Amino acid sequence: MQPHFIAAPRKAPYLIVMDPLFYLPIVYLGVVIGSKALLGVAMHRLGGRYNNRHPRAQQDTLTGWGARAKAAHYNSYEAWPVFAVGLVAARFGGGDDLWIHGLSLIWIGLRVIYLYAYVADFHRLRTVSWCGATLAACWMMVLPIL
């Protein structure tokens, strides 16, 4: 029996039936791999085609929004592990499902805003969305001890 002063994790309402771990492939395919679409468009516009034999060499010649699309794409790969660790820590550490779902959706939304802001060169919005997404991922890491 659990002591009365230690609250048991509250489970999400019955309407949320998805296990939070399903966010891992959703985020990887949607945000990380999805950011490649912007980079692919930029590469296609550079010389009229995508160089599948030497894509990195072609990416290195991008300038302007294409170079920002490349940086945003690479940053998506850097941000995904932080989200994944936060989600796994919250899920297996006994975090509240409602908080896990909410913070995951906040992270996804802010990362989409980040991609747009980076490519469009809205540097302040990019910084705010990056900070918010990082905070959401870190918050998930400490959910089990709150």
N, C-alpha and C. Protein backbone atom coordinates (compact mmCIF):
# COMPACT_ATOMS: atom_id res chain seq x y z
N MET A 1 0.84 -1.18 0.00
CA MET A 1 0.00 0.00 0.00
C MET A 1 0.89 1.24 0.00
N GLN A 2 0.49 2.22 -0.75
CA GLN A 2 1.26 3.44 -0.90
C GLN A 2 0.91 4.41 0.23
N PRO A 3 1.92 5.06 0.82
CA PRO A 3 1.61 6.06 1.86
C PRO A 3 0.72 7.16 1.30
N HIS A 4 -0.10 7.75 2.16
CA HIS A 4 -1.07 8.75 1.71
C HIS A 4 -0.42 10.03 1.19
N PHE A 5 0.81 10.31 1.58
CA PHE A 5 1.45 11.56 1.14
C PHE A 5 2.15 11.42 -0.22
N ILE A 6 2.21 10.22 -0.79
CA ILE A 6 2.78 10.02 -2.12
C ILE A 6 1.63 9.79 -3.08
N ALA A 7 1.45 10.74 -3.97
CA ALA A 7 0.34 10.65 -4.91
C ALA A 7 0.67 9.67 -6.03
N ALA A 8 -0.28 8.82 -6.33
CA ALA A 8 -0.12 7.90 -7.45
C ALA A 8 -0.27 8.69 -8.75
N PRO A 9 0.46 8.30 -9.79
CA PRO A 9 0.32 9.02 -11.05
C PRO A 9 -1.12 8.96 -11.55
N ARG A 10 -1.62 10.10 -11.98
CA ARG A 10 -2.98 10.17 -12.49
C ARG A 10 -2.96 9.74 -13.94
N LYS A 11 -3.84 8.87 -14.30
CA LYS A 11 -3.91 8.40 -15.68
C LYS A 11 -4.81 9.32 -16.48
N ALA A 12 -4.50 9.42 -17.77
CA ALA A 12 -5.26 10.30 -18.65
C ALA A 12 -6.70 9.80 -18.78
N PRO A 13 -7.60 10.69 -19.15
CA PRO A 13 -8.99 10.27 -19.36
C PRO A 13 -9.09 9.19 -20.42
N TYR A 14 -10.20 8.48 -20.41
CA TYR A 14 -10.36 7.35 -21.31
C TYR A 14 -10.32 7.76 -22.79
N LEU A 15 -10.50 9.03 -23.09
CA LEU A 15 -10.47 9.47 -24.48
C LEU A 15 -9.06 9.40 -25.08
N ILE A 16 -8.05 9.48 -24.24
CA ILE A 16 -6.68 9.36 -24.73
C ILE A 16 -6.27 7.89 -24.55
N VAL A 17 -6.30 7.15 -25.64
CA VAL A 17 -6.01 5.73 -25.56
C VAL A 17 -4.64 5.38 -26.13
N MET A 18 -3.99 6.35 -26.74
CA MET A 18 -2.70 6.09 -27.36
C MET A 18 -1.60 6.07 -26.29
N ASP A 19 -0.76 5.08 -26.38
CA ASP A 19 0.41 5.04 -25.51
C ASP A 19 1.35 6.18 -25.92
N PRO A 20 1.86 6.95 -24.97
CA PRO A 20 2.75 8.07 -25.33
C PRO A 20 3.97 7.65 -26.14
N LEU A 21 4.38 6.40 -26.06
CA LEU A 21 5.55 5.95 -26.82
C LEU A 21 5.33 6.02 -28.32
N PHE A 22 4.06 6.08 -28.76
CA PHE A 22 3.78 6.20 -30.19
C PHE A 22 4.23 7.55 -30.74
N TYR A 23 4.51 8.51 -29.86
CA TYR A 23 5.03 9.80 -30.33
C TYR A 23 6.43 9.66 -30.91
N LEU A 24 7.17 8.66 -30.48
CA LEU A 24 8.55 8.51 -30.97
C LEU A 24 8.60 8.33 -32.49
N PRO A 25 7.90 7.34 -33.06
CA PRO A 25 7.95 7.24 -34.53
C PRO A 25 7.21 8.38 -35.23
N ILE A 26 6.15 8.89 -34.60
CA ILE A 26 5.42 10.00 -35.21
C ILE A 26 6.34 11.21 -35.34
N VAL A 27 7.06 11.52 -34.28
CA VAL A 27 7.97 12.67 -34.31
C VAL A 27 9.12 12.41 -35.26
N TYR A 28 9.67 11.22 -35.23
CA TYR A 28 10.81 10.94 -36.10
C TYR A 28 10.42 11.08 -37.57
N LEU A 29 9.30 10.46 -37.93
CA LEU A 29 8.89 10.51 -39.33
C LEU A 29 8.33 11.88 -39.71
N GLY A 30 7.58 12.49 -38.83
CA GLY A 30 6.92 13.74 -39.16
C GLY A 30 7.81 14.96 -39.08
N VAL A 31 8.57 15.08 -38.01
CA VAL A 31 9.37 16.29 -37.81
C VAL A 31 10.78 16.12 -38.36
N VAL A 32 11.44 15.04 -38.00
CA VAL A 32 12.83 14.86 -38.41
C VAL A 32 12.93 14.55 -39.91
N ILE A 33 12.27 13.51 -40.35
CA ILE A 33 12.31 13.16 -41.77
C ILE A 33 11.52 14.18 -42.58
N GLY A 34 10.44 14.71 -42.01
CA GLY A 34 9.66 15.73 -42.70
C GLY A 34 10.44 16.99 -43.00
N SER A 35 11.41 17.32 -42.14
CA SER A 35 12.23 18.51 -42.39
C SER A 35 13.10 18.32 -43.63
N LYS A 36 13.31 17.10 -44.03
CA LYS A 36 14.09 16.81 -45.25
C LYS A 36 13.35 17.30 -46.48
N ALA A 37 12.02 17.40 -46.42
CA ALA A 37 11.25 17.87 -47.56
C ALA A 37 11.65 19.29 -47.94
N LEU A 38 11.79 20.15 -46.95
CA LEU A 38 12.23 21.52 -47.22
C LEU A 38 13.62 21.54 -47.85
N LEU A 39 14.49 20.73 -47.30
CA LEU A 39 15.84 20.66 -47.83
C LEU A 39 15.84 20.10 -49.25
N GLY A 40 15.00 19.11 -49.50
CA GLY A 40 14.90 18.53 -50.84
C GLY A 40 14.41 19.55 -51.86
N VAL A 41 13.45 20.38 -51.48
CA VAL A 41 12.96 21.43 -52.38
C VAL A 41 14.09 22.40 -52.71
N ALA A 42 14.84 22.80 -51.68
CA ALA A 42 15.95 23.72 -51.90
C ALA A 42 17.00 23.10 -52.82
N MET A 43 17.28 21.83 -52.62
CA MET A 43 18.28 21.15 -53.45
C MET A 43 17.78 21.00 -54.89
N HIS A 44 16.49 20.75 -55.04
CA HIS A 44 15.92 20.61 -56.39
C HIS A 44 16.00 21.94 -57.15
N ARG A 45 15.75 23.03 -56.45
CA ARG A 45 15.80 24.35 -57.09
C ARG A 45 17.22 24.78 -57.43
N LEU A 46 18.19 24.14 -56.83
CA LEU A 46 19.58 24.45 -57.12
C LEU A 46 20.03 23.57 -58.27
N GLY A 47 20.01 24.09 -59.45
CA GLY A 47 20.44 23.31 -60.61
C GLY A 47 19.34 22.47 -61.23
N GLY A 48 18.12 22.59 -60.74
CA GLY A 48 16.99 21.90 -61.35
C GLY A 48 16.81 20.45 -60.99
N ARG A 49 17.65 19.90 -60.13
CA ARG A 49 17.46 18.50 -59.74
C ARG A 49 18.14 18.23 -58.41
N TYR A 50 17.73 17.15 -57.81
CA TYR A 50 18.30 16.67 -56.55
C TYR A 50 19.45 15.73 -56.91
N ASN A 51 20.64 16.01 -56.41
CA ASN A 51 21.80 15.17 -56.70
C ASN A 51 21.84 14.03 -55.69
N ASN A 52 21.30 12.90 -56.10
CA ASN A 52 21.23 11.75 -55.19
C ASN A 52 22.57 11.03 -55.05
N ARG A 53 23.49 11.27 -55.96
CA ARG A 53 24.82 10.65 -55.86
C ARG A 53 25.70 11.35 -54.84
N HIS A 54 25.58 12.68 -54.75
CA HIS A 54 26.39 13.47 -53.82
C HIS A 54 25.52 14.53 -53.15
N PRO A 55 24.55 14.10 -52.35
CA PRO A 55 23.63 15.09 -51.76
C PRO A 55 24.31 16.04 -50.79
N ARG A 56 25.28 15.58 -50.04
CA ARG A 56 25.95 16.46 -49.07
C ARG A 56 26.76 17.54 -49.79
N ALA A 57 27.40 17.18 -50.89
CA ALA A 57 28.14 18.18 -51.65
C ALA A 57 27.18 19.23 -52.22
N GLN A 58 26.03 18.79 -52.68
CA GLN A 58 25.03 19.73 -53.19
C GLN A 58 24.50 20.60 -52.05
N GLN A 59 24.27 20.02 -50.90
CA GLN A 59 23.78 20.79 -49.75
C GLN A 59 24.77 21.86 -49.33
N ASP A 60 26.06 21.57 -49.46
CA ASP A 60 27.08 22.54 -49.07
C ASP A 60 27.09 23.78 -49.95
N THR A 61 26.50 23.70 -51.14
CA THR A 61 26.47 24.86 -52.04
C THR A 61 25.22 25.71 -51.85
N LEU A 62 24.30 25.29 -50.98
CA LEU A 62 23.07 26.05 -50.76
C LEU A 62 23.38 27.36 -50.05
N THR A 63 22.60 28.37 -50.38
CA THR A 63 22.70 29.66 -49.71
C THR A 63 21.29 30.13 -49.36
N GLY A 64 21.21 31.18 -48.57
CA GLY A 64 19.90 31.76 -48.22
C GLY A 64 19.00 30.78 -47.49
N TRP A 65 17.74 30.71 -47.94
CA TRP A 65 16.78 29.85 -47.24
C TRP A 65 17.14 28.38 -47.37
N GLY A 66 17.83 28.00 -48.45
CA GLY A 66 18.25 26.61 -48.60
C GLY A 66 19.27 26.21 -47.54
N ALA A 67 20.20 27.10 -47.26
CA ALA A 67 21.19 26.82 -46.22
C ALA A 67 20.52 26.76 -44.85
N ARG A 68 19.51 27.62 -44.64
CA ARG A 68 18.77 27.57 -43.37
C ARG A 68 17.95 26.29 -43.27
N ALA A 69 17.40 25.81 -44.40
CA ALA A 69 16.66 24.55 -44.40
C ALA A 69 17.58 23.39 -44.03
N LYS A 70 18.81 23.44 -44.52
CA LYS A 70 19.79 22.41 -44.18
C LYS A 70 20.08 22.44 -42.68
N ALA A 71 20.32 23.64 -42.14
CA ALA A 71 20.61 23.77 -40.71
C ALA A 71 19.42 23.32 -39.86
N ALA A 72 18.22 23.68 -40.28
CA ALA A 72 17.01 23.27 -39.54
C ALA A 72 16.84 21.75 -39.56
N HIS A 73 17.14 21.16 -40.71
CA HIS A 73 17.05 19.69 -40.83
C HIS A 73 18.04 19.00 -39.91
N TYR A 74 19.27 19.48 -39.90
CA TYR A 74 20.28 18.89 -39.03
C TYR A 74 19.92 19.11 -37.56
N ASN A 75 19.37 20.27 -37.23
CA ASN A 75 18.98 20.53 -35.85
C ASN A 75 17.85 19.61 -35.42
N SER A 76 16.99 19.20 -36.35
CA SER A 76 15.92 18.26 -36.01
C SER A 76 16.50 16.94 -35.54
N TYR A 77 17.58 16.50 -36.20
CA TYR A 77 18.25 15.28 -35.74
C TYR A 77 18.87 15.45 -34.37
N GLU A 78 19.33 16.65 -34.06
CA GLU A 78 19.93 16.89 -32.75
C GLU A 78 18.88 16.99 -31.65
N ALA A 79 17.69 17.48 -31.97
CA ALA A 79 16.65 17.69 -30.97
C ALA A 79 15.87 16.42 -30.66
N TRP A 80 15.76 15.51 -31.62
CA TRP A 80 14.94 14.32 -31.42
C TRP A 80 15.39 13.46 -30.24
N PRO A 81 16.69 13.20 -30.05
CA PRO A 81 17.09 12.38 -28.89
C PRO A 81 16.72 13.00 -27.55
N VAL A 82 16.76 14.32 -27.44
CA VAL A 82 16.38 14.98 -26.19
C VAL A 82 14.90 14.72 -25.91
N PHE A 83 14.06 14.84 -26.95
CA PHE A 83 12.64 14.54 -26.82
C PHE A 83 12.44 13.06 -26.45
N ALA A 84 13.16 12.18 -27.13
CA ALA A 84 13.00 10.74 -26.89
C ALA A 84 13.36 10.37 -25.46
N VAL A 85 14.46 10.92 -24.96
CA VAL A 85 14.87 10.63 -23.58
C VAL A 85 13.83 11.16 -22.60
N GLY A 86 13.34 12.37 -22.85
CA GLY A 86 12.31 12.93 -21.97
C GLY A 86 11.05 12.10 -21.96
N LEU A 87 10.62 11.66 -23.13
CA LEU A 87 9.40 10.86 -23.24
C LEU A 87 9.56 9.51 -22.55
N VAL A 88 10.68 8.85 -22.78
CA VAL A 88 10.91 7.54 -22.17
C VAL A 88 11.03 7.68 -20.64
N ALA A 89 11.74 8.72 -20.19
CA ALA A 89 11.87 8.93 -18.74
C ALA A 89 10.51 9.19 -18.10
N ALA A 90 9.69 10.00 -18.75
CA ALA A 90 8.37 10.29 -18.20
C ALA A 90 7.48 9.06 -18.23
N ARG A 91 7.51 8.33 -19.32
CA ARG A 91 6.62 7.16 -19.47
C ARG A 91 6.97 6.05 -18.50
N PHE A 92 8.25 5.70 -18.42
CA PHE A 92 8.64 4.58 -17.56
C PHE A 92 8.94 5.01 -16.13
N GLY A 93 9.05 6.32 -15.92
CA GLY A 93 9.25 6.81 -14.56
C GLY A 93 7.95 7.01 -13.81
N GLY A 94 6.83 6.81 -14.48
CA GLY A 94 5.54 6.93 -13.81
C GLY A 94 4.93 8.32 -13.90
N GLY A 95 5.33 9.10 -14.90
CA GLY A 95 4.76 10.42 -15.08
C GLY A 95 3.29 10.36 -15.46
N ASP A 96 2.59 11.42 -15.19
CA ASP A 96 1.17 11.52 -15.50
C ASP A 96 0.98 11.52 -17.02
N ASP A 97 0.13 10.60 -17.51
CA ASP A 97 -0.09 10.47 -18.96
C ASP A 97 -0.61 11.76 -19.58
N LEU A 98 -1.46 12.46 -18.88
CA LEU A 98 -2.01 13.70 -19.42
C LEU A 98 -0.90 14.73 -19.64
N TRP A 99 0.02 14.83 -18.71
CA TRP A 99 1.16 15.74 -18.86
C TRP A 99 2.08 15.28 -19.99
N ILE A 100 2.29 13.98 -20.08
CA ILE A 100 3.16 13.45 -21.14
C ILE A 100 2.58 13.77 -22.51
N HIS A 101 1.29 13.52 -22.69
CA HIS A 101 0.65 13.84 -23.97
C HIS A 101 0.72 15.33 -24.26
N GLY A 102 0.40 16.14 -23.27
CA GLY A 102 0.40 17.59 -23.46
C GLY A 102 1.77 18.13 -23.82
N LEU A 103 2.79 17.71 -23.07
CA LEU A 103 4.15 18.19 -23.35
C LEU A 103 4.67 17.67 -24.68
N SER A 104 4.28 16.46 -25.05
CA SER A 104 4.68 15.92 -26.35
C SER A 104 4.08 16.75 -27.48
N LEU A 105 2.81 17.07 -27.37
CA LEU A 105 2.15 17.88 -28.40
C LEU A 105 2.72 19.30 -28.44
N ILE A 106 3.05 19.85 -27.29
CA ILE A 106 3.70 21.16 -27.25
C ILE A 106 5.04 21.09 -27.96
N TRP A 107 5.82 20.05 -27.67
CA TRP A 107 7.13 19.90 -28.31
C TRP A 107 6.97 19.81 -29.83
N ILE A 108 6.03 18.98 -30.30
CA ILE A 108 5.82 18.82 -31.74
C ILE A 108 5.43 20.16 -32.37
N GLY A 109 4.48 20.85 -31.77
CA GLY A 109 4.04 22.13 -32.31
C GLY A 109 5.15 23.15 -32.36
N LEU A 110 5.93 23.24 -31.30
CA LEU A 110 7.03 24.21 -31.26
C LEU A 110 8.14 23.85 -32.24
N ARG A 111 8.38 22.58 -32.46
CA ARG A 111 9.40 22.19 -33.44
C ARG A 111 8.95 22.50 -34.86
N VAL A 112 7.67 22.36 -35.15
CA VAL A 112 7.17 22.74 -36.47
C VAL A 112 7.31 24.26 -36.66
N ILE A 113 6.97 25.02 -35.63
CA ILE A 113 7.16 26.47 -35.68
C ILE A 113 8.64 26.80 -35.85
N TYR A 114 9.50 26.07 -35.16
CA TYR A 114 10.95 26.28 -35.27
C TYR A 114 11.42 26.09 -36.71
N LEU A 115 10.96 25.01 -37.35
CA LEU A 115 11.37 24.77 -38.74
C LEU A 115 10.95 25.92 -39.64
N TYR A 116 9.71 26.35 -39.51
CA TYR A 116 9.21 27.46 -40.31
C TYR A 116 10.01 28.73 -40.04
N ALA A 117 10.21 29.03 -38.75
CA ALA A 117 10.92 30.25 -38.38
C ALA A 117 12.37 30.23 -38.87
N TYR A 118 13.01 29.08 -38.82
CA TYR A 118 14.40 28.98 -39.26
C TYR A 118 14.50 29.25 -40.76
N VAL A 119 13.66 28.56 -41.53
CA VAL A 119 13.73 28.71 -42.99
C VAL A 119 13.31 30.11 -43.41
N ALA A 120 12.32 30.68 -42.73
CA ALA A 120 11.84 32.03 -43.07
C ALA A 120 12.72 33.13 -42.49
N ASP A 121 13.70 32.78 -41.71
CA ASP A 121 14.66 33.71 -41.10
C ASP A 121 14.00 34.64 -40.09
N PHE A 122 13.07 34.09 -39.31
CA PHE A 122 12.50 34.82 -38.18
C PHE A 122 13.29 34.39 -36.94
N HIS A 123 14.43 35.02 -36.70
CA HIS A 123 15.38 34.54 -35.71
C HIS A 123 14.84 34.58 -34.29
N ARG A 124 14.05 35.57 -33.94
CA ARG A 124 13.52 35.63 -32.57
C ARG A 124 12.48 34.53 -32.33
N LEU A 125 11.60 34.33 -33.29
CA LEU A 125 10.62 33.25 -33.18
C LEU A 125 11.31 31.90 -33.14
N ARG A 126 12.37 31.76 -33.90
CA ARG A 126 13.14 30.51 -33.90
C ARG A 126 13.71 30.24 -32.52
N THR A 127 14.28 31.27 -31.90
CA THR A 127 14.89 31.10 -30.58
C THR A 127 13.84 30.77 -29.53
N VAL A 128 12.71 31.47 -29.56
CA VAL A 128 11.65 31.22 -28.58
C VAL A 128 11.09 29.81 -28.75
N SER A 129 10.85 29.39 -29.99
CA SER A 129 10.30 28.05 -30.19
C SER A 129 11.31 26.97 -29.82
N TRP A 130 12.59 27.20 -30.08
CA TRP A 130 13.62 26.23 -29.68
C TRP A 130 13.66 26.10 -28.16
N CYS A 131 13.65 27.25 -27.47
CA CYS A 131 13.69 27.23 -26.00
C CYS A 131 12.46 26.54 -25.43
N GLY A 132 11.30 26.84 -25.98
CA GLY A 132 10.07 26.22 -25.49
C GLY A 132 10.05 24.72 -25.69
N ALA A 133 10.50 24.26 -26.87
CA ALA A 133 10.54 22.83 -27.14
C ALA A 133 11.54 22.13 -26.23
N THR A 134 12.69 22.75 -26.03
CA THR A 134 13.70 22.16 -25.14
C THR A 134 13.19 22.10 -23.71
N LEU A 135 12.51 23.15 -23.28
CA LEU A 135 11.92 23.16 -21.94
C LEU A 135 10.87 22.06 -21.79
N ALA A 136 10.04 21.87 -22.81
CA ALA A 136 9.02 20.81 -22.75
C ALA A 136 9.67 19.43 -22.63
N ALA A 137 10.74 19.20 -23.40
CA ALA A 137 11.42 17.90 -23.33
C ALA A 137 12.07 17.70 -21.96
N CYS A 138 12.70 18.75 -21.44
CA CYS A 138 13.33 18.65 -20.12
C CYS A 138 12.29 18.49 -19.01
N TRP A 139 11.16 19.13 -19.17
CA TRP A 139 10.08 19.00 -18.20
C TRP A 139 9.61 17.54 -18.13
N MET A 140 9.55 16.89 -19.29
CA MET A 140 9.16 15.48 -19.29
C MET A 140 10.16 14.64 -18.51
N MET A 141 11.43 15.02 -18.57
CA MET A 141 12.46 14.25 -17.87
C MET A 141 12.26 14.29 -16.35
N VAL A 142 11.72 15.39 -15.84
CA VAL A 142 11.55 15.51 -14.39
C VAL A 142 10.13 15.22 -13.93
N LEU A 143 9.22 14.92 -14.86
CA LEU A 143 7.83 14.62 -14.47
C LEU A 143 7.73 13.52 -13.39
N PRO A 144 8.51 12.45 -13.50
CA PRO A 144 8.36 11.38 -12.49
C PRO A 144 8.70 11.83 -11.07
N ILE A 145 9.50 12.87 -10.90
CA ILE A 145 9.87 13.27 -9.55
C ILE A 145 9.05 14.43 -9.05
N LEU A 146 8.14 14.95 -9.87
CA LEU A 146 7.30 16.06 -9.43
C LEU A 146 6.09 15.57 -8.66
